[in-house]
Amino acid sequence: MNGSGKKKAQKRYPPFLKNSGSDRSLLFPFVSRSFVPSVFTVMNMVCGYVSIVMSGEGNFVTACWLIILAAFFDTIDGFIARIMNGTSDFGFELDSLSDLVSFGAAPAYLVYKFGLEGLPGNAGIFISSILVIGSGLRLARFNISVIGYRKESFSGLPTPAQALTVAGFILWMKADSFLPEKTMTFFLAWLSTTLSLLMVSKVNYDALPKPTLDSFRRHPLQMIFYIGAVFCVLLFHAKAFFLAMLLYILLGIVRSITLVYRQLQT
């Protein structure tokens, strides 16, 4: 095969992603700039794996908090990559694989062990597997649509938001189990199915704005809502955490319906 044929067969990445393996730090020339953010990405994956182990052992509270910790690492790795100019093709691929573990496999196994394992036949396995499938499809769709991607919003429910919603619900149920077992199992099955459908939907969700003066000027209502949600979580813990995630999901649905309605009116 000639040189042009080899070039055409190679995988093409979005233009803003660069292989930073040869872009070395001046202070530590033997370390790639992408190394530090990749460490945080790996910690995201490790949290997801340990969450799966904790779910298998019946330690559901720890499993939930590990998913929340994974979401923290998922946020911080991108921030560090930008400030260190360490964005790379390797980091981009590793991030997607880590997200599938922490926000696909981990919450799916969590809901199965927590409430769906007792369903007749293989119903629990089927319903929980929808979360993994939805997460995989959502991440794959994002990866092929990164070109032209707008950081202000997402098409479809982000996988971390889905996982945090599941974790918030189970933390609430462990802290204040007011639902009968059958009702809780039915709601968990309904929640898993709904979240999976929202991930592969075209519902538009806002990205969390950074807490800067510019964000307060551009999105004052959003910033007030997010700050209020943080205070509610600190005051009411698990209950407020799940309700805040539920409100985020409902706001995206309402906004998408409003946009469709306006388009039909024009």
C-alpha atoms as a PDB file:
ATOM      1  CA  MET A   1       0.000   0.000   0.000  1.00  0.00           C
ATOM      2  CA  ASN A   2       1.391   3.431  -0.899  1.00  0.00           C
ATOM      3  CA  GLY A   3       1.819   6.344   1.524  1.00  0.00           C
ATOM      4  CA  SER A   4      -1.491   8.008   0.670  1.00  0.00           C
ATOM      5  CA  GLY A   5      -3.352   4.722   1.216  1.00  0.00           C
ATOM      6  CA  LYS A   6      -1.798   4.306   4.656  1.00  0.00           C
ATOM      7  CA  LYS A   7      -2.723   7.862   5.585  1.00  0.00           C
ATOM      8  CA  LYS A   8      -6.328   7.320   4.527  1.00  0.00           C
ATOM      9  CA  ALA A   9      -6.603   4.123   6.585  1.00  0.00           C
ATOM     10  CA  GLN A  10      -5.439   5.804   9.786  1.00  0.00           C
ATOM     11  CA  LYS A  11      -8.004   6.835  12.394  1.00  0.00           C
ATOM     12  CA  ARG A  12      -8.784  10.533  12.219  1.00  0.00           C
ATOM     13  CA  TYR A  13      -9.243  12.439  15.457  1.00  0.00           C
ATOM     14  CA  PRO A  14     -10.894  15.798  16.073  1.00  0.00           C
ATOM     15  CA  PRO A  15      -8.602  18.685  15.117  1.00  0.00           C
ATOM     16  CA  PHE A  16      -8.181  20.004  18.675  1.00  0.00           C
ATOM     17  CA  LEU A  17      -6.747  16.697  19.924  1.00  0.00           C
ATOM     18  CA  LYS A  18      -3.025  16.302  19.557  1.00  0.00           C
ATOM     19  CA  ASN A  19      -0.635  13.497  20.347  1.00  0.00           C
ATOM     20  CA  SER A  20       1.254  15.054  23.216  1.00  0.00           C
ATOM     21  CA  GLY A  21       3.605  12.122  23.726  1.00  0.00           C
ATOM     22  CA  SER A  22       6.460  14.125  22.110  1.00  0.00           C
ATOM     23  CA  ASP A  23       5.405  17.353  23.835  1.00  0.00           C
ATOM     24  CA  ARG A  24       7.529  17.108  26.964  1.00  0.00           C
ATOM     25  CA  SER A  25       7.501  19.306  30.044  1.00  0.00           C
ATOM     26  CA  LEU A  26      10.490  21.633  30.383  1.00  0.00           C
ATOM     27  CA  LEU A  27      10.808  20.811  34.093  1.00  0.00           C
ATOM     28  CA  PHE A  28      10.486  17.022  33.631  1.00  0.00           C
ATOM     29  CA  PRO A  29      11.508  16.273  30.016  1.00  0.00           C
ATOM     30  CA  PHE A  30      11.026  12.514  30.530  1.00  0.00           C
ATOM     31  CA  VAL A  31       7.317  12.943  31.382  1.00  0.00           C
ATOM     32  CA  SER A  32       4.632  13.640  28.778  1.00  0.00           C
ATOM     33  CA  ARG A  33       2.239  16.521  29.417  1.00  0.00           C
ATOM     34  CA  SER A  34      -0.660  14.053  29.163  1.00  0.00           C
ATOM     35  CA  PHE A  35       0.678  11.894  31.992  1.00  0.00           C
ATOM     36  CA  VAL A  36      -0.775  13.856  34.934  1.00  0.00           C
ATOM     37  CA  PRO A  37      -4.348  14.171  33.582  1.00  0.00           C
ATOM     38  CA  SER A  38      -4.203  10.492  32.558  1.00  0.00           C
ATOM     39  CA  VAL A  39      -3.435   9.566  36.175  1.00  0.00           C
ATOM     40  CA  PHE A  40      -6.710  11.189  37.257  1.00  0.00           C
ATOM     41  CA  THR A  41      -8.527   9.420  34.424  1.00  0.00           C
ATOM     42  CA  VAL A  42      -7.140   6.095  35.630  1.00  0.00           C
ATOM     43  CA  MET A  43      -8.315   6.960  39.163  1.00  0.00           C
ATOM     44  CA  ASN A  44     -11.776   7.430  37.677  1.00  0.00           C
ATOM     45  CA  MET A  45     -11.583   3.902  36.245  1.00  0.00           C
ATOM     46  CA  VAL A  46     -10.253   2.457  39.502  1.00  0.00           C
ATOM     47  CA  CYS A  47     -13.141   4.024  41.440  1.00  0.00           C
ATOM     48  CA  GLY A  48     -15.590   2.435  39.017  1.00  0.00           C
ATOM     49  CA  TYR A  49     -13.996  -0.985  39.384  1.00  0.00           C
ATOM     50  CA  VAL A  50     -13.880  -0.838  43.188  1.00  0.00           C
ATOM     51  CA  SER A  51     -17.512   0.326  43.168  1.00  0.00           C
ATOM     52  CA  ILE A  52     -18.389  -2.881  41.295  1.00  0.00           C
ATOM     53  CA  VAL A  53     -16.503  -4.926  43.901  1.00  0.00           C
ATOM     54  CA  MET A  54     -18.293  -3.123  46.753  1.00  0.00           C
ATOM     55  CA  SER A  55     -21.674  -3.750  45.112  1.00  0.00           C
ATOM     56  CA  GLY A  56     -20.863  -7.440  44.864  1.00  0.00           C
ATOM     57  CA  GLU A  57     -20.052  -7.491  48.579  1.00  0.00           C
ATOM     58  CA  GLY A  58     -23.299  -5.706  49.471  1.00  0.00           C
ATOM     59  CA  ASN A  59     -21.558  -2.494  50.567  1.00  0.00           C
ATOM     60  CA  PHE A  60     -23.878  -0.254  48.562  1.00  0.00           C
ATOM     61  CA  VAL A  61     -23.164   3.037  50.337  1.00  0.00           C
ATOM     62  CA  THR A  62     -19.437   2.755  49.607  1.00  0.00           C
ATOM     63  CA  ALA A  63     -20.220   1.751  46.014  1.00  0.00           C
ATOM     64  CA  CYS A  64     -22.329   4.904  45.583  1.00  0.00           C
ATOM     65  CA  TRP A  65     -19.675   7.198  47.020  1.00  0.00           C
ATOM     66  CA  LEU A  66     -17.040   5.653  44.768  1.00  0.00           C
ATOM     67  CA  ILE A  67     -19.196   6.535  41.738  1.00  0.00           C
ATOM     68  CA  ILE A  68     -19.417  10.097  43.057  1.00  0.00           C
ATOM     69  CA  LEU A  69     -15.632  10.141  43.540  1.00  0.00           C
ATOM     70  CA  ALA A  70     -15.212   8.838  39.981  1.00  0.00           C
ATOM     71  CA  ALA A  71     -17.308  11.774  38.739  1.00  0.00           C
ATOM     72  CA  PHE A  72     -14.956  14.122  40.587  1.00  0.00           C
ATOM     73  CA  PHE A  73     -11.912  12.586  38.909  1.00  0.00           C
ATOM     74  CA  ASP A  74     -13.736  12.735  35.556  1.00  0.00           C
ATOM     75  CA  THR A  75     -14.166  16.486  36.020  1.00  0.00           C
ATOM     76  CA  ILE A  76     -10.686  17.214  37.302  1.00  0.00           C
ATOM     77  CA  ASP A  77      -8.773  15.306  34.597  1.00  0.00           C
ATOM     78  CA  GLY A  78     -10.133  17.516  31.809  1.00  0.00           C
ATOM     79  CA  PHE A  79      -9.436  20.664  33.825  1.00  0.00           C
ATOM     80  CA  ILE A  80      -5.837  19.607  34.461  1.00  0.00           C
ATOM     81  CA  ALA A  81      -5.362  18.605  30.809  1.00  0.00           C
ATOM     82  CA  ARG A  82      -6.411  22.094  29.696  1.00  0.00           C
ATOM     83  CA  ILE A  83      -4.233  24.035  32.125  1.00  0.00           C
ATOM     84  CA  MET A  84      -1.211  21.806  31.388  1.00  0.00           C
ATOM     85  CA  ASN A  85      -1.871  21.778  27.644  1.00  0.00           C
ATOM     86  CA  GLY A  86      -1.818  17.999  27.930  1.00  0.00           C
ATOM     87  CA  THR A  87      -4.774  17.064  25.732  1.00  0.00           C
ATOM     88  CA  SER A  88      -3.982  13.941  23.694  1.00  0.00           C
ATOM     89  CA  ASP A  89      -5.574  11.228  21.576  1.00  0.00           C
ATOM     90  CA  PHE A  90      -4.587   8.702  24.232  1.00  0.00           C
ATOM     91  CA  GLY A  91      -6.259  10.699  26.995  1.00  0.00           C
ATOM     92  CA  PHE A  92      -9.410  11.122  24.914  1.00  0.00           C
ATOM     93  CA  GLU A  93      -9.762   7.383  24.362  1.00  0.00           C
ATOM     94  CA  LEU A  94      -8.839   6.510  27.954  1.00  0.00           C
ATOM     95  CA  ASP A  95     -11.453   8.930  29.269  1.00  0.00           C
ATOM     96  CA  SER A  96     -14.234   7.225  27.301  1.00  0.00           C
ATOM     97  CA  LEU A  97     -13.176   3.764  28.468  1.00  0.00           C
ATOM     98  CA  SER A  98     -13.021   4.952  32.083  1.00  0.00           C
ATOM     99  CA  ASP A  99     -16.470   6.527  31.801  1.00  0.00           C
ATOM    100  CA  LEU A 100     -17.927   3.263  30.508  1.00  0.00           C
ATOM    101  CA  VAL A 101     -16.565   1.447  33.564  1.00  0.00           C
ATOM    102  CA  SER A 102     -17.477   4.040  36.199  1.00  0.00           C
ATOM    103  CA  PHE A 103     -20.737   5.387  34.758  1.00  0.00           C
ATOM    104  CA  GLY A 104     -21.919   2.365  32.782  1.00  0.00           C
ATOM    105  CA  ALA A 105     -20.874  -0.934  34.344  1.00  0.00           C
ATOM    106  CA  ALA A 106     -20.651   0.289  37.960  1.00  0.00           C
ATOM    107  CA  PRO A 107     -24.173   1.788  38.263  1.00  0.00           C
ATOM    108  CA  ALA A 108     -25.662  -1.086  36.248  1.00  0.00           C
ATOM    109  CA  TYR A 109     -24.229  -3.709  38.609  1.00  0.00           C
ATOM    110  CA  LEU A 110     -25.181  -1.519  41.572  1.00  0.00           C
ATOM    111  CA  VAL A 111     -28.883  -1.388  40.657  1.00  0.00           C
ATOM    112  CA  TYR A 112     -28.852  -5.116  39.904  1.00  0.00           C
ATOM    113  CA  LYS A 113     -27.408  -6.107  43.280  1.00  0.00           C
ATOM    114  CA  PHE A 114     -29.369  -3.503  45.231  1.00  0.00           C
ATOM    115  CA  GLY A 115     -32.873  -4.067  43.928  1.00  0.00           C
ATOM    116  CA  LEU A 116     -33.211  -5.926  40.637  1.00  0.00           C
ATOM    117  CA  GLU A 117     -31.526  -9.229  41.480  1.00  0.00           C
ATOM    118  CA  GLY A 118     -34.761 -10.590  42.954  1.00  0.00           C
ATOM    119  CA  LEU A 119     -36.842 -10.073  39.799  1.00  0.00           C
ATOM    120  CA  PRO A 120     -38.156 -13.272  38.192  1.00  0.00           C
ATOM    121  CA  GLY A 121     -36.053 -14.964  35.549  1.00  0.00           C
ATOM    122  CA  ASN A 122     -33.385 -12.803  33.984  1.00  0.00           C
ATOM    123  CA  ALA A 123     -35.462  -9.615  34.117  1.00  0.00           C
ATOM    124  CA  GLY A 124     -33.056  -7.950  36.557  1.00  0.00           C
ATOM    125  CA  ILE A 125     -30.054  -8.710  34.366  1.00  0.00           C
ATOM    126  CA  PHE A 126     -31.833  -7.407  31.265  1.00  0.00           C
ATOM    127  CA  ILE A 127     -33.022  -4.150  32.861  1.00  0.00           C
ATOM    128  CA  SER A 128     -29.673  -3.375  34.489  1.00  0.00           C
ATOM    129  CA  SER A 129     -27.795  -4.152  31.262  1.00  0.00           C
ATOM    130  CA  ILE A 130     -29.742  -1.384  29.540  1.00  0.00           C
ATOM    131  CA  LEU A 131     -27.719   1.116  31.578  1.00  0.00           C
ATOM    132  CA  VAL A 132     -24.455  -0.286  30.187  1.00  0.00           C
ATOM    133  CA  ILE A 133     -25.811  -0.309  26.633  1.00  0.00           C
ATOM    134  CA  GLY A 134     -27.160   3.229  26.937  1.00  0.00           C
ATOM    135  CA  SER A 135     -23.862   4.475  28.359  1.00  0.00           C
ATOM    136  CA  GLY A 136     -21.856   2.804  25.604  1.00  0.00           C
ATOM    137  CA  LEU A 137     -24.073   4.235  22.856  1.00  0.00           C
ATOM    138  CA  ARG A 138     -24.012   7.679  24.464  1.00  0.00           C
ATOM    139  CA  LEU A 139     -20.214   7.718  24.688  1.00  0.00           C
ATOM    140  CA  ALA A 140     -19.780   6.382  21.147  1.00  0.00           C
ATOM    141  CA  ARG A 141     -22.117   9.045  19.774  1.00  0.00           C
ATOM    142  CA  PHE A 142     -20.231  11.737  21.641  1.00  0.00           C
ATOM    143  CA  ASN A 143     -16.860  10.502  20.357  1.00  0.00           C
ATOM    144  CA  ILE A 144     -17.880  10.683  16.700  1.00  0.00           C
ATOM    145  CA  SER A 145     -19.543  14.083  17.103  1.00  0.00           C
ATOM    146  CA  VAL A 146     -16.758  15.871  18.965  1.00  0.00           C
ATOM    147  CA  ILE A 147     -15.990  17.986  15.894  1.00  0.00           C
ATOM    148  CA  GLY A 148     -18.179  21.033  16.226  1.00  0.00           C
ATOM    149  CA  TYR A 149     -19.052  20.120  19.804  1.00  0.00           C
ATOM    150  CA  ARG A 150     -20.316  23.006  21.916  1.00  0.00           C
ATOM    151  CA  LYS A 151     -19.163  22.855  25.523  1.00  0.00           C
ATOM    152  CA  GLU A 152     -22.262  24.739  26.708  1.00  0.00           C
ATOM    153  CA  SER A 153     -24.581  21.777  26.186  1.00  0.00           C
ATOM    154  CA  PHE A 154     -24.858  18.026  25.577  1.00  0.00           C
ATOM    155  CA  SER A 155     -27.148  16.036  23.283  1.00  0.00           C
ATOM    156  CA  GLY A 156     -28.565  13.312  25.488  1.00  0.00           C
ATOM    157  CA  LEU A 157     -28.174  12.854  29.238  1.00  0.00           C
ATOM    158  CA  PRO A 158     -24.441  12.731  30.104  1.00  0.00           C
ATOM    159  CA  THR A 159     -23.319   9.368  31.486  1.00  0.00           C
ATOM    160  CA  PRO A 160     -21.957  10.875  34.747  1.00  0.00           C
ATOM    161  CA  ALA A 161     -25.351  12.494  35.405  1.00  0.00           C
ATOM    162  CA  GLN A 162     -27.072   9.128  34.927  1.00  0.00           C
ATOM    163  CA  ALA A 163     -24.677   7.403  37.317  1.00  0.00           C
ATOM    164  CA  LEU A 164     -24.976  10.161  39.920  1.00  0.00           C
ATOM    165  CA  THR A 165     -28.765   9.933  39.773  1.00  0.00           C
ATOM    166  CA  VAL A 166     -28.623   6.193  40.447  1.00  0.00           C
ATOM    167  CA  ALA A 167     -26.107   6.684  43.264  1.00  0.00           C
ATOM    168  CA  GLY A 168     -28.205   9.469  44.790  1.00  0.00           C
ATOM    169  CA  PHE A 169     -31.354   7.349  44.798  1.00  0.00           C
ATOM    170  CA  ILE A 170     -29.674   4.346  46.419  1.00  0.00           C
ATOM    171  CA  LEU A 171     -27.993   6.554  49.051  1.00  0.00           C
ATOM    172  CA  TRP A 172     -31.412   7.994  49.854  1.00  0.00           C
ATOM    173  CA  MET A 173     -32.967   4.550  50.144  1.00  0.00           C
ATOM    174  CA  LYS A 174     -30.149   3.383  52.437  1.00  0.00           C
ATOM    175  CA  ALA A 175     -30.520   6.458  54.650  1.00  0.00           C
ATOM    176  CA  ASP A 176     -34.340   6.556  54.722  1.00  0.00           C
ATOM    177  CA  SER A 177     -35.966   3.458  53.262  1.00  0.00           C
ATOM    178  CA  PHE A 178     -39.586   4.649  53.236  1.00  0.00           C
ATOM    179  CA  LEU A 179     -40.618   2.710  50.107  1.00  0.00           C
ATOM    180  CA  PRO A 180     -41.870  -0.892  50.358  1.00  0.00           C
ATOM    181  CA  GLU A 181     -39.462  -3.375  48.778  1.00  0.00           C
ATOM    182  CA  LYS A 182     -41.684  -4.134  45.765  1.00  0.00           C
ATOM    183  CA  THR A 183     -42.349  -0.436  45.127  1.00  0.00           C
ATOM    184  CA  MET A 184     -38.655   0.383  45.391  1.00  0.00           C
ATOM    185  CA  THR A 185     -37.760  -2.421  42.952  1.00  0.00           C
ATOM    186  CA  PHE A 186     -40.374  -1.213  40.458  1.00  0.00           C
ATOM    187  CA  PHE A 187     -39.162   2.393  40.738  1.00  0.00           C
ATOM    188  CA  LEU A 188     -35.523   1.331  40.329  1.00  0.00           C
ATOM    189  CA  ALA A 189     -36.404  -0.629  37.176  1.00  0.00           C
ATOM    190  CA  TRP A 190     -38.363   2.344  35.819  1.00  0.00           C
ATOM    191  CA  LEU A 191     -35.535   4.748  36.713  1.00  0.00           C
ATOM    192  CA  SER A 192     -32.900   2.567  34.993  1.00  0.00           C
ATOM    193  CA  THR A 193     -34.959   2.300  31.802  1.00  0.00           C
ATOM    194  CA  THR A 194     -35.767   6.025  31.728  1.00  0.00           C
ATOM    195  CA  LEU A 195     -32.158   7.084  32.277  1.00  0.00           C
ATOM    196  CA  SER A 196     -30.990   4.739  29.523  1.00  0.00           C
ATOM    197  CA  LEU A 197     -33.488   6.203  27.050  1.00  0.00           C
ATOM    198  CA  LEU A 198     -32.520   9.760  28.000  1.00  0.00           C
ATOM    199  CA  MET A 199     -28.843   9.014  27.328  1.00  0.00           C
ATOM    200  CA  VAL A 200     -29.528   8.017  23.719  1.00  0.00           C
ATOM    201  CA  SER A 201     -32.170  10.710  23.201  1.00  0.00           C
ATOM    202  CA  LYS A 202     -31.736  14.130  21.592  1.00  0.00           C
ATOM    203  CA  VAL A 203     -32.747  15.950  24.767  1.00  0.00           C
ATOM    204  CA  ASN A 204     -30.415  18.913  25.261  1.00  0.00           C
ATOM    205  CA  TYR A 205     -28.698  19.282  28.636  1.00  0.00           C
ATOM    206  CA  ASP A 206     -26.635  22.184  29.893  1.00  0.00           C
ATOM    207  CA  ALA A 207     -23.024  21.652  30.822  1.00  0.00           C
ATOM    208  CA  LEU A 208     -22.181  22.770  34.337  1.00  0.00           C
ATOM    209  CA  PRO A 209     -20.792  26.322  34.030  1.00  0.00           C
ATOM    210  CA  LYS A 210     -17.501  27.141  35.730  1.00  0.00           C
ATOM    211  CA  PRO A 211     -17.839  29.279  38.898  1.00  0.00           C
ATOM    212  CA  THR A 212     -16.339  32.446  37.376  1.00  0.00           C
ATOM    213  CA  LEU A 213     -17.514  36.046  37.183  1.00  0.00           C
ATOM    214  CA  ASP A 214     -18.171  35.569  33.473  1.00  0.00           C
ATOM    215  CA  SER A 215     -20.422  32.573  34.233  1.00  0.00           C
ATOM    216  CA  PHE A 216     -22.407  34.634  36.745  1.00  0.00           C
ATOM    217  CA  ARG A 217     -22.878  37.372  34.138  1.00  0.00           C
ATOM    218  CA  ARG A 218     -23.873  35.015  31.332  1.00  0.00           C
ATOM    219  CA  HIS A 219     -25.907  32.453  33.328  1.00  0.00           C
ATOM    220  CA  PRO A 220     -27.058  34.123  36.572  1.00  0.00           C
ATOM    221  CA  LEU A 221     -30.131  31.914  37.107  1.00  0.00           C
ATOM    222  CA  GLN A 222     -28.194  28.712  36.408  1.00  0.00           C
ATOM    223  CA  MET A 223     -25.411  29.677  38.801  1.00  0.00           C
ATOM    224  CA  ILE A 224     -27.904  30.545  41.546  1.00  0.00           C
ATOM    225  CA  PHE A 225     -29.615  27.180  41.003  1.00  0.00           C
ATOM    226  CA  TYR A 226     -26.350  25.223  41.156  1.00  0.00           C
ATOM    227  CA  ILE A 227     -25.173  27.054  44.290  1.00  0.00           C
ATOM    228  CA  GLY A 228     -28.567  26.432  45.915  1.00  0.00           C
ATOM    229  CA  ALA A 229     -28.364  22.756  44.958  1.00  0.00           C
ATOM    230  CA  VAL A 230     -24.913  22.447  46.569  1.00  0.00           C
ATOM    231  CA  PHE A 231     -26.205  23.973  49.830  1.00  0.00           C
ATOM    232  CA  CYS A 232     -29.222  21.642  49.788  1.00  0.00           C
ATOM    233  CA  VAL A 233     -26.938  18.628  49.365  1.00  0.00           C
ATOM    234  CA  LEU A 234     -24.802  19.790  52.282  1.00  0.00           C
ATOM    235  CA  LEU A 235     -27.898  20.257  54.466  1.00  0.00           C
ATOM    236  CA  PHE A 236     -30.063  17.298  53.444  1.00  0.00           C
ATOM    237  CA  HIS A 237     -27.380  14.941  52.055  1.00  0.00           C
ATOM    238  CA  ALA A 238     -28.651  11.945  50.047  1.00  0.00           C
ATOM    239  CA  LYS A 239     -32.263  13.098  49.630  1.00  0.00           C
ATOM    240  CA  ALA A 240     -31.262  16.507  48.229  1.00  0.00           C
ATOM    241  CA  PHE A 241     -28.553  14.937  46.042  1.00  0.00           C
ATOM    242  CA  PHE A 242     -31.028  12.716  44.230  1.00  0.00           C
ATOM    243  CA  LEU A 243     -33.647  15.472  43.959  1.00  0.00           C
ATOM    244  CA  ALA A 244     -31.053  17.900  42.546  1.00  0.00           C
ATOM    245  CA  MET A 245     -30.089  15.374  39.858  1.00  0.00           C
ATOM    246  CA  LEU A 246     -33.769  14.712  39.132  1.00  0.00           C
ATOM    247  CA  LEU A 247     -34.394  18.436  38.723  1.00  0.00           C
ATOM    248  CA  TYR A 248     -31.436  18.704  36.327  1.00  0.00           C
ATOM    249  CA  ILE A 249     -32.941  15.896  34.220  1.00  0.00           C
ATOM    250  CA  LEU A 250     -36.417  17.465  34.208  1.00  0.00           C
ATOM    251  CA  LEU A 251     -35.069  20.909  33.285  1.00  0.00           C
ATOM    252  CA  GLY A 252     -33.411  19.430  30.193  1.00  0.00           C
ATOM    253  CA  ILE A 253     -36.649  17.718  29.151  1.00  0.00           C
ATOM    254  CA  VAL A 254     -38.730  20.871  29.680  1.00  0.00           C
ATOM    255  CA  ARG A 255     -36.261  23.020  27.761  1.00  0.00           C
ATOM    256  CA  SER A 256     -36.162  20.589  24.822  1.00  0.00           C
ATOM    257  CA  ILE A 257     -39.967  20.464  24.668  1.00  0.00           C
ATOM    258  CA  THR A 258     -40.059  24.272  24.754  1.00  0.00           C
ATOM    259  CA  LEU A 259     -37.544  24.521  21.900  1.00  0.00           C
ATOM    260  CA  VAL A 260     -39.513  22.047  19.774  1.00  0.00           C
ATOM    261  CA  TYR A 261     -42.723  23.977  20.451  1.00  0.00           C
ATOM    262  CA  ARG A 262     -41.121  27.268  19.412  1.00  0.00           C
ATOM    263  CA  GLN A 263     -39.785  25.703  16.233  1.00  0.00           C
ATOM    264  CA  LEU A 264     -43.245  24.420  15.363  1.00  0.00           C
ATOM    265  CA  GLN A 265     -44.701  27.891  15.905  1.00  0.00           C
ATOM    266  CA  THR A 266     -42.277  29.527  13.470  1.00  0.00           C
END
